[in-house]
Amino acid sequence: MPIHMEIARIDRLVLIVARGLVTADEIADNTRRLIEADVPGFAKIIDVTGSRSDLTREQVERVAAMLRGDPQDRTRGAVAFVVDPNRRGFAESFADVTKGERPIRLFSSLHAARRWLRDGGAHGGVMGSTLHDGVRVWG
């Protein structure tokens, strides 16, 4: 399976790593597993540097809708995507579709993503995406 997920409940952290070509069905399956694990308030690091997908914006919107669940529940954790800054894909689309719903940032390294979550950057400032003019990749 090109998507691997680990849940560290004691750290309230989900780590997802995608490799190779990832299909819409595989992303939907992983989304269902996230919902079943009941971890909406956990921080998430999603490493997509070694993957690619051909999801349409509509498919990304469906994934986001599945994850939203109850619209009154505002306990969504921060999401730190680790991306290849030379490629656009699922991470950028997901961040755009969910702008304002939770803190989301794109990083070029796992270390920078972990530091942002560890140092509380996900909780400082205004809730929502930190993307400006499309995509901003941090550290």
N, C-alpha and C. Protein backbone atom coordinates (compact mmCIF):
# COMPACT_ATOMS: atom_id res chain seq x y z
N MET A 1 0.84 -1.18 0.00
CA MET A 1 0.00 0.00 0.00
C MET A 1 0.89 1.25 0.00
N PRO A 2 0.61 2.19 -0.87
CA PRO A 2 1.47 3.37 -0.96
C PRO A 2 1.25 4.39 0.16
N ILE A 3 0.25 4.18 1.02
CA ILE A 3 0.02 5.10 2.14
C ILE A 3 0.21 4.33 3.45
N HIS A 4 1.11 4.82 4.27
CA HIS A 4 1.36 4.22 5.58
C HIS A 4 0.94 5.24 6.64
N MET A 5 0.23 4.79 7.67
CA MET A 5 -0.22 5.69 8.73
C MET A 5 0.14 5.12 10.09
N GLU A 6 0.69 5.98 10.94
CA GLU A 6 0.97 5.64 12.33
C GLU A 6 0.29 6.66 13.22
N ILE A 7 -0.32 6.17 14.30
CA ILE A 7 -0.98 7.06 15.25
C ILE A 7 -0.26 6.93 16.59
N ALA A 8 0.25 8.05 17.07
CA ALA A 8 0.90 8.10 18.38
C ALA A 8 -0.06 8.82 19.32
N ARG A 9 -0.93 8.04 19.97
CA ARG A 9 -1.97 8.63 20.82
C ARG A 9 -1.38 9.43 21.98
N ILE A 10 -0.30 8.95 22.54
CA ILE A 10 0.29 9.66 23.68
C ILE A 10 0.79 11.05 23.27
N ASP A 11 1.22 11.19 22.01
CA ASP A 11 1.69 12.48 21.49
C ASP A 11 0.60 13.25 20.76
N ARG A 12 -0.57 12.61 20.60
CA ARG A 12 -1.68 13.20 19.84
C ARG A 12 -1.20 13.63 18.45
N LEU A 13 -0.53 12.67 17.78
CA LEU A 13 0.07 12.93 16.48
C LEU A 13 -0.21 11.77 15.53
N VAL A 14 -0.56 12.10 14.30
CA VAL A 14 -0.72 11.12 13.24
C VAL A 14 0.36 11.41 12.20
N LEU A 15 1.09 10.38 11.81
CA LEU A 15 2.10 10.51 10.76
C LEU A 15 1.63 9.67 9.58
N ILE A 16 1.53 10.32 8.43
CA ILE A 16 1.12 9.64 7.20
C ILE A 16 2.21 9.84 6.18
N VAL A 17 2.63 8.75 5.54
CA VAL A 17 3.65 8.81 4.50
C VAL A 17 3.08 8.15 3.25
N ALA A 18 3.10 8.89 2.15
CA ALA A 18 2.61 8.37 0.87
C ALA A 18 3.80 8.20 -0.07
N ARG A 19 3.80 7.09 -0.81
CA ARG A 19 4.88 6.81 -1.74
C ARG A 19 4.30 6.32 -3.07
N GLY A 20 4.92 6.71 -4.16
CA GLY A 20 4.49 6.25 -5.47
C GLY A 20 3.18 6.89 -5.91
N LEU A 21 2.55 6.26 -6.89
CA LEU A 21 1.27 6.74 -7.40
C LEU A 21 0.18 6.38 -6.39
N VAL A 22 -0.54 7.38 -5.90
CA VAL A 22 -1.61 7.18 -4.93
C VAL A 22 -2.93 7.48 -5.62
N THR A 23 -3.83 6.51 -5.58
CA THR A 23 -5.11 6.66 -6.27
C THR A 23 -6.15 7.32 -5.36
N ALA A 24 -7.24 7.75 -5.97
CA ALA A 24 -8.35 8.33 -5.23
C ALA A 24 -8.91 7.32 -4.24
N ASP A 25 -9.00 6.06 -4.64
CA ASP A 25 -9.52 5.02 -3.74
C ASP A 25 -8.62 4.83 -2.53
N GLU A 26 -7.30 4.88 -2.73
CA GLU A 26 -6.37 4.72 -1.61
C GLU A 26 -6.46 5.91 -0.65
N ILE A 27 -6.61 7.10 -1.18
CA ILE A 27 -6.77 8.27 -0.31
C ILE A 27 -8.09 8.19 0.44
N ALA A 28 -9.16 7.77 -0.23
CA ALA A 28 -10.47 7.61 0.43
C ALA A 28 -10.38 6.55 1.53
N ASP A 29 -9.67 5.45 1.26
CA ASP A 29 -9.51 4.40 2.27
C ASP A 29 -8.75 4.92 3.48
N ASN A 30 -7.69 5.66 3.26
CA ASN A 30 -6.92 6.23 4.36
C ASN A 30 -7.76 7.24 5.14
N THR A 31 -8.58 8.00 4.43
CA THR A 31 -9.48 8.95 5.09
C THR A 31 -10.46 8.22 5.99
N ARG A 32 -11.02 7.12 5.51
CA ARG A 32 -11.93 6.32 6.35
C ARG A 32 -11.21 5.79 7.59
N ARG A 33 -9.96 5.35 7.41
CA ARG A 33 -9.20 4.85 8.57
C ARG A 33 -8.96 5.97 9.59
N LEU A 34 -8.70 7.19 9.11
CA LEU A 34 -8.54 8.33 10.02
C LEU A 34 -9.82 8.60 10.80
N ILE A 35 -10.94 8.55 10.10
CA ILE A 35 -12.23 8.79 10.76
C ILE A 35 -12.51 7.71 11.80
N GLU A 36 -12.27 6.46 11.44
CA GLU A 36 -12.49 5.34 12.36
C GLU A 36 -11.57 5.42 13.58
N ALA A 37 -10.38 5.97 13.40
CA ALA A 37 -9.42 6.09 14.51
C ALA A 37 -9.83 7.20 15.48
N ASP A 38 -10.76 8.06 15.07
CA ASP A 38 -11.28 9.13 15.91
C ASP A 38 -10.17 10.04 16.43
N VAL A 39 -9.44 10.64 15.49
CA VAL A 39 -8.31 11.50 15.83
C VAL A 39 -8.41 12.91 15.21
N PRO A 40 -9.61 13.50 15.12
CA PRO A 40 -9.71 14.79 14.44
C PRO A 40 -8.92 15.91 15.12
N GLY A 41 -8.74 15.85 16.44
CA GLY A 41 -8.01 16.89 17.14
C GLY A 41 -6.51 16.68 17.18
N PHE A 42 -6.04 15.54 16.68
CA PHE A 42 -4.61 15.27 16.68
C PHE A 42 -3.92 16.07 15.58
N ALA A 43 -2.68 16.47 15.84
CA ALA A 43 -1.86 17.07 14.79
C ALA A 43 -1.51 15.98 13.78
N LYS A 44 -1.31 16.39 12.53
CA LYS A 44 -0.98 15.43 11.48
C LYS A 44 0.21 15.93 10.68
N ILE A 45 1.15 15.02 10.47
CA ILE A 45 2.25 15.27 9.54
C ILE A 45 2.01 14.33 8.37
N ILE A 46 1.92 14.90 7.18
CA ILE A 46 1.64 14.10 5.98
C ILE A 46 2.78 14.34 4.99
N ASP A 47 3.59 13.31 4.80
CA ASP A 47 4.75 13.39 3.91
C ASP A 47 4.35 12.87 2.53
N VAL A 48 4.29 13.79 1.57
CA VAL A 48 3.93 13.42 0.20
C VAL A 48 5.08 13.68 -0.77
N THR A 49 6.30 13.81 -0.24
CA THR A 49 7.44 14.12 -1.11
C THR A 49 7.72 13.02 -2.12
N GLY A 50 7.43 11.78 -1.77
CA GLY A 50 7.72 10.66 -2.66
C GLY A 50 6.50 10.11 -3.36
N SER A 51 5.45 10.92 -3.45
CA SER A 51 4.21 10.41 -4.06
C SER A 51 3.67 11.39 -5.08
N ARG A 52 2.71 10.87 -5.84
CA ARG A 52 1.98 11.71 -6.78
C ARG A 52 0.58 11.13 -6.90
N SER A 53 -0.35 11.99 -7.29
CA SER A 53 -1.72 11.54 -7.50
C SER A 53 -2.33 12.40 -8.59
N ASP A 54 -3.43 11.93 -9.13
CA ASP A 54 -4.09 12.69 -10.19
C ASP A 54 -5.52 13.04 -9.79
N LEU A 55 -5.72 13.32 -8.51
CA LEU A 55 -7.04 13.68 -8.03
C LEU A 55 -7.48 15.02 -8.60
N THR A 56 -8.75 15.08 -8.93
CA THR A 56 -9.33 16.34 -9.37
C THR A 56 -9.66 17.18 -8.13
N ARG A 57 -9.92 18.45 -8.35
CA ARG A 57 -10.31 19.31 -7.23
C ARG A 57 -11.59 18.78 -6.57
N GLU A 58 -12.51 18.27 -7.36
CA GLU A 58 -13.76 17.73 -6.81
C GLU A 58 -13.48 16.54 -5.90
N GLN A 59 -12.53 15.68 -6.27
CA GLN A 59 -12.18 14.54 -5.43
C GLN A 59 -11.54 15.02 -4.12
N VAL A 60 -10.69 16.03 -4.20
CA VAL A 60 -10.07 16.59 -3.00
C VAL A 60 -11.15 17.18 -2.10
N GLU A 61 -12.13 17.86 -2.70
CA GLU A 61 -13.23 18.42 -1.92
C GLU A 61 -14.02 17.32 -1.21
N ARG A 62 -14.21 16.17 -1.86
CA ARG A 62 -14.91 15.05 -1.22
C ARG A 62 -14.12 14.51 -0.03
N VAL A 63 -12.81 14.41 -0.18
CA VAL A 63 -11.97 13.96 0.94
C VAL A 63 -12.11 14.94 2.10
N ALA A 64 -12.03 16.23 1.80
CA ALA A 64 -12.16 17.25 2.85
C ALA A 64 -13.52 17.16 3.53
N ALA A 65 -14.58 16.94 2.75
CA ALA A 65 -15.93 16.83 3.32
C ALA A 65 -16.04 15.61 4.24
N MET A 66 -15.41 14.50 3.86
CA MET A 66 -15.42 13.31 4.72
C MET A 66 -14.75 13.61 6.06
N LEU A 67 -13.65 14.35 6.01
CA LEU A 67 -12.90 14.63 7.23
C LEU A 67 -13.58 15.68 8.11
N ARG A 68 -14.39 16.53 7.52
CA ARG A 68 -15.06 17.58 8.29
C ARG A 68 -16.01 17.00 9.32
N GLY A 69 -16.75 15.98 8.94
CA GLY A 69 -17.70 15.39 9.88
C GLY A 69 -18.71 16.41 10.35
N ASP A 70 -18.89 16.50 11.65
CA ASP A 70 -19.84 17.42 12.26
C ASP A 70 -19.35 18.85 12.07
N PRO A 71 -20.14 19.71 11.39
CA PRO A 71 -19.71 21.08 11.15
C PRO A 71 -19.56 21.90 12.43
N GLN A 72 -20.18 21.46 13.53
CA GLN A 72 -20.07 22.18 14.80
C GLN A 72 -18.80 21.80 15.56
N ASP A 73 -18.14 20.72 15.16
CA ASP A 73 -16.94 20.25 15.84
C ASP A 73 -15.74 21.03 15.32
N ARG A 74 -15.14 21.85 16.15
CA ARG A 74 -13.99 22.67 15.76
C ARG A 74 -12.69 22.12 16.35
N THR A 75 -12.62 20.82 16.61
CA THR A 75 -11.44 20.24 17.25
C THR A 75 -10.46 19.68 16.23
N ARG A 76 -10.41 20.23 15.06
CA ARG A 76 -9.50 19.71 14.04
C ARG A 76 -8.07 20.13 14.35
N GLY A 77 -7.18 19.14 14.32
CA GLY A 77 -5.78 19.42 14.60
C GLY A 77 -5.07 20.03 13.41
N ALA A 78 -3.92 20.59 13.69
CA ALA A 78 -3.09 21.20 12.66
C ALA A 78 -2.58 20.13 11.70
N VAL A 79 -2.33 20.55 10.46
CA VAL A 79 -1.78 19.65 9.45
C VAL A 79 -0.50 20.27 8.89
N ALA A 80 0.57 19.50 8.94
CA ALA A 80 1.85 19.90 8.37
C ALA A 80 2.16 18.94 7.23
N PHE A 81 2.05 19.43 6.01
CA PHE A 81 2.41 18.63 4.84
C PHE A 81 3.89 18.80 4.56
N VAL A 82 4.57 17.71 4.24
CA VAL A 82 5.95 17.76 3.78
C VAL A 82 5.89 17.49 2.28
N VAL A 83 6.31 18.48 1.49
CA VAL A 83 6.12 18.43 0.05
C VAL A 83 7.43 18.65 -0.70
N ASP A 84 7.41 18.28 -1.95
CA ASP A 84 8.48 18.64 -2.88
C ASP A 84 8.09 20.01 -3.43
N PRO A 85 8.83 21.07 -3.09
CA PRO A 85 8.44 22.42 -3.51
C PRO A 85 8.43 22.62 -5.03
N ASN A 86 8.99 21.66 -5.76
CA ASN A 86 9.01 21.77 -7.22
C ASN A 86 7.80 21.14 -7.89
N ARG A 87 6.91 20.57 -7.08
CA ARG A 87 5.70 19.92 -7.63
C ARG A 87 4.48 20.38 -6.86
N ARG A 88 3.38 20.55 -7.57
CA ARG A 88 2.10 20.83 -6.93
C ARG A 88 1.28 19.56 -6.98
N GLY A 89 0.41 19.37 -5.98
CA GLY A 89 -0.40 18.17 -5.96
C GLY A 89 -1.47 18.23 -4.90
N PHE A 90 -1.75 17.07 -4.31
CA PHE A 90 -2.82 16.92 -3.34
C PHE A 90 -2.68 17.89 -2.17
N ALA A 91 -1.48 18.04 -1.63
CA ALA A 91 -1.28 18.88 -0.44
C ALA A 91 -1.73 20.32 -0.69
N GLU A 92 -1.32 20.87 -1.81
CA GLU A 92 -1.69 22.25 -2.12
C GLU A 92 -3.20 22.39 -2.34
N SER A 93 -3.78 21.41 -3.03
CA SER A 93 -5.23 21.43 -3.26
C SER A 93 -5.99 21.30 -1.95
N PHE A 94 -5.56 20.37 -1.08
CA PHE A 94 -6.24 20.17 0.19
C PHE A 94 -6.14 21.43 1.05
N ALA A 95 -4.96 22.04 1.09
CA ALA A 95 -4.78 23.27 1.88
C ALA A 95 -5.69 24.37 1.36
N ASP A 96 -5.83 24.47 0.05
CA ASP A 96 -6.69 25.50 -0.53
C ASP A 96 -8.17 25.23 -0.21
N VAL A 97 -8.59 23.98 -0.35
CA VAL A 97 -9.99 23.61 -0.12
C VAL A 97 -10.38 23.79 1.35
N THR A 98 -9.46 23.58 2.27
CA THR A 98 -9.79 23.65 3.70
C THR A 98 -9.30 24.94 4.36
N LYS A 99 -8.93 25.92 3.57
CA LYS A 99 -8.43 27.19 4.09
C LYS A 99 -9.39 27.75 5.14
N GLY A 100 -8.85 28.13 6.28
CA GLY A 100 -9.65 28.72 7.34
C GLY A 100 -10.26 27.72 8.31
N GLU A 101 -10.14 26.44 8.04
CA GLU A 101 -10.74 25.42 8.90
C GLU A 101 -9.81 24.94 10.01
N ARG A 102 -8.54 25.02 9.77
CA ARG A 102 -7.53 24.53 10.71
C ARG A 102 -6.19 25.11 10.28
N PRO A 103 -5.20 25.12 11.16
CA PRO A 103 -3.86 25.55 10.74
C PRO A 103 -3.26 24.51 9.78
N ILE A 104 -2.82 24.98 8.64
CA ILE A 104 -2.18 24.11 7.65
C ILE A 104 -0.96 24.84 7.10
N ARG A 105 0.14 24.13 7.04
CA ARG A 105 1.35 24.67 6.41
C ARG A 105 2.02 23.59 5.59
N LEU A 106 2.71 24.03 4.57
CA LEU A 106 3.50 23.14 3.74
C LEU A 106 4.97 23.39 4.03
N PHE A 107 5.71 22.30 4.18
CA PHE A 107 7.14 22.37 4.52
C PHE A 107 7.95 21.57 3.53
N SER A 108 9.21 21.93 3.40
CA SER A 108 10.10 21.17 2.52
C SER A 108 10.90 20.13 3.28
N SER A 109 10.75 20.10 4.62
CA SER A 109 11.46 19.08 5.40
C SER A 109 10.60 18.60 6.56
N LEU A 110 10.77 17.34 6.90
CA LEU A 110 10.08 16.75 8.04
C LEU A 110 10.50 17.45 9.33
N HIS A 111 11.77 17.78 9.43
CA HIS A 111 12.29 18.45 10.63
C HIS A 111 11.55 19.78 10.87
N ALA A 112 11.37 20.57 9.83
CA ALA A 112 10.69 21.86 9.97
C ALA A 112 9.22 21.66 10.34
N ALA A 113 8.59 20.65 9.77
CA ALA A 113 7.19 20.35 10.09
C ALA A 113 7.04 19.98 11.56
N ARG A 114 7.92 19.09 12.03
CA ARG A 114 7.87 18.68 13.44
C ARG A 114 8.13 19.87 14.37
N ARG A 115 9.08 20.72 13.99
CA ARG A 115 9.41 21.88 14.82
C ARG A 115 8.20 22.81 14.94
N TRP A 116 7.51 23.05 13.82
CA TRP A 116 6.32 23.91 13.83
C TRP A 116 5.26 23.37 14.79
N LEU A 117 5.02 22.08 14.72
CA LEU A 117 4.03 21.48 15.62
C LEU A 117 4.51 21.49 17.07
N ARG A 118 5.77 21.13 17.28
CA ARG A 118 6.34 21.05 18.63
C ARG A 118 6.37 22.41 19.31
N ASP A 119 6.75 23.45 18.57
CA ASP A 119 6.91 24.77 19.15
C ASP A 119 5.60 25.55 19.24
N GLY A 120 4.50 24.91 18.86
CA GLY A 120 3.22 25.57 19.02
C GLY A 120 2.85 26.53 17.92
N GLY A 121 3.61 26.54 16.84
CA GLY A 121 3.29 27.43 15.73
C GLY A 121 1.91 27.20 15.18
N ALA A 122 1.43 25.98 15.33
CA ALA A 122 0.11 25.65 14.83
C ALA A 122 -0.98 26.32 15.66
N HIS A 123 -0.64 26.77 16.87
CA HIS A 123 -1.65 27.36 17.75
C HIS A 123 -1.54 28.86 17.85
N GLY A 124 -0.46 29.42 17.33
CA GLY A 124 -0.28 30.86 17.41
C GLY A 124 -0.94 31.57 16.24
N GLY A 125 -1.33 32.78 16.44
CA GLY A 125 -1.89 33.57 15.35
C GLY A 125 -3.31 33.15 15.01
N VAL A 126 -3.67 33.40 13.80
CA VAL A 126 -5.03 33.18 13.33
C VAL A 126 -5.20 31.76 12.85
N MET A 127 -6.33 31.14 13.21
CA MET A 127 -6.63 29.81 12.70
C MET A 127 -6.74 29.86 11.19
N GLY A 128 -6.28 28.82 10.55
CA GLY A 128 -6.46 28.72 9.11
C GLY A 128 -5.16 28.52 8.39
N SER A 129 -5.25 28.48 7.11
CA SER A 129 -4.10 28.22 6.26
C SER A 129 -3.11 29.37 6.32
N THR A 130 -1.84 29.05 6.22
CA THR A 130 -0.80 30.07 6.17
C THR A 130 -0.30 30.25 4.75
N LEU A 131 -1.05 29.72 3.80
CA LEU A 131 -0.68 29.88 2.40
C LEU A 131 -0.99 31.29 1.95
N HIS A 132 -0.08 31.88 1.19
CA HIS A 132 -0.29 33.21 0.65
C HIS A 132 0.00 33.17 -0.84
N ASP A 133 -0.86 33.80 -1.61
CA ASP A 133 -0.68 33.82 -3.06
C ASP A 133 -0.49 32.41 -3.61
N GLY A 134 -1.33 31.51 -3.19
CA GLY A 134 -1.26 30.14 -3.71
C GLY A 134 -0.57 29.20 -2.76
N VAL A 135 0.73 29.12 -2.85
CA VAL A 135 1.48 28.15 -2.04
C VAL A 135 2.68 28.82 -1.42
N ARG A 136 2.88 28.57 -0.14
CA ARG A 136 4.10 29.00 0.52
C ARG A 136 4.70 27.80 1.21
N VAL A 137 5.91 27.49 0.94
CA VAL A 137 6.58 26.33 1.53
C VAL A 137 7.56 26.83 2.57
N TRP A 138 7.44 26.29 3.76
CA TRP A 138 8.27 26.72 4.90
C TRP A 138 9.46 25.79 5.10
N GLY A 139 10.55 26.37 5.58
CA GLY A 139 11.75 25.69 6.05
C GLY A 139 12.15 24.52 5.30
